[in-house]
Amino acid sequence: MKTVEDCIEILAGMQVQNGEFKIDRSDYNLITSLARQTFRGTGLTDRQYQLAREKVLHYRQQYEANGYDIDI
C-alpha cells in the first residue's frame, strides 16, 4: 500500500509508475509542486496533506486501473 506522498509522486511521474496517468490541467502545477516537496524530503503541512489526499482520491480510478492499491 502506498502513502499519500508516494501517490502524489507517482501521479507527477517522480516515481516509477505502472501505466499512464492523465492529470487535469488545473491540477498540474499543484501536484508537481507537492511532489517536488515530498521528493526532497520536506513534509507536508496538515492543509497540504488534506489537499494531496483529496487529489489522490480524485484520481483513484486511474490508480486502480494501473494496479495500485490506495486505501487512504
Protein backbone atom coordinates (compact mmCIF):
# COMPACT_ATOMS: atom_id res chain seq x y z
CA MET A 1 0.00 0.00 0.00
CA LYS A 2 1.24 3.48 -0.89
CA THR A 3 1.29 6.62 1.23
CA VAL A 4 -0.29 9.87 0.08
CA GLU A 5 3.19 11.21 -0.57
CA ASP A 6 4.05 8.19 -2.74
CA CYS A 7 0.79 8.54 -4.66
CA ILE A 8 1.43 12.22 -5.40
CA GLU A 9 4.96 11.43 -6.61
CA ILE A 10 3.64 8.61 -8.81
CA LEU A 11 0.95 10.88 -10.23
CA ALA A 12 3.55 13.55 -11.04
CA GLY A 13 5.88 10.97 -12.61
CA MET A 14 8.62 11.32 -9.99
CA GLN A 15 8.47 7.63 -9.06
CA VAL A 16 8.45 4.67 -11.38
CA GLN A 17 4.85 4.07 -12.31
CA ASN A 18 2.73 1.36 -13.82
CA GLY A 19 0.71 2.66 -16.73
CA GLU A 20 -0.08 6.23 -17.57
CA PHE A 21 -1.77 8.97 -15.59
CA LYS A 22 -3.65 11.92 -17.05
CA ILE A 23 -3.63 14.96 -14.79
CA ASP A 24 -6.19 17.72 -15.27
CA ARG A 25 -4.52 20.90 -16.48
CA SER A 26 -5.90 22.77 -13.48
CA ASP A 27 -4.21 20.30 -11.08
CA TYR A 28 -0.83 20.02 -12.80
CA ASN A 29 1.05 22.84 -11.00
CA LEU A 30 -0.30 21.86 -7.59
CA ILE A 31 0.51 18.16 -7.96
CA THR A 32 4.01 18.73 -9.32
CA SER A 33 4.73 21.27 -6.57
CA LEU A 34 3.61 18.87 -3.84
CA ALA A 35 5.57 16.04 -5.45
CA ARG A 36 8.79 18.09 -5.62
CA GLN A 37 8.38 18.99 -1.96
CA THR A 38 7.92 15.38 -0.81
CA PHE A 39 10.63 14.11 -3.17
CA ARG A 40 13.10 16.47 -1.48
CA GLY A 41 12.07 15.02 1.89
CA THR A 42 10.15 18.05 3.12
CA GLY A 43 7.00 17.08 4.98
CA LEU A 44 3.58 18.36 4.02
CA THR A 45 1.67 20.69 6.30
CA ASP A 46 -1.69 19.46 7.57
CA ARG A 47 -3.51 21.54 4.96
CA GLN A 48 -1.22 20.34 2.16
CA TYR A 49 -1.71 16.74 3.29
CA GLN A 50 -5.50 17.09 3.18
CA LEU A 51 -5.34 18.66 -0.28
CA ALA A 52 -2.97 15.94 -1.52
CA ARG A 53 -5.30 13.28 -0.12
CA GLU A 54 -8.27 14.86 -1.93
CA LYS A 55 -6.33 14.88 -5.20
CA VAL A 56 -5.28 11.24 -4.81
CA LEU A 57 -8.90 10.28 -4.20
CA HIS A 58 -9.94 12.36 -7.23
CA TYR A 59 -7.60 10.24 -9.39
CA ARG A 60 -8.44 6.96 -7.62
CA GLN A 61 -9.84 5.30 -10.75
CA GLN A 62 -6.58 5.89 -12.61
CA TYR A 63 -4.56 4.39 -9.75
CA GLU A 64 -6.79 1.32 -9.66
CA ALA A 65 -6.70 0.98 -13.46
CA ASN A 66 -2.89 0.98 -13.23
CA GLY A 67 -2.81 -1.67 -10.48
CA TYR A 68 -2.25 0.48 -7.40
CA ASP A 69 -3.97 -0.29 -4.10
CA ILE A 70 -4.71 3.02 -2.48
CA ASP A 71 -6.65 2.83 0.75
CA ILE A 72 -6.03 6.19 2.33
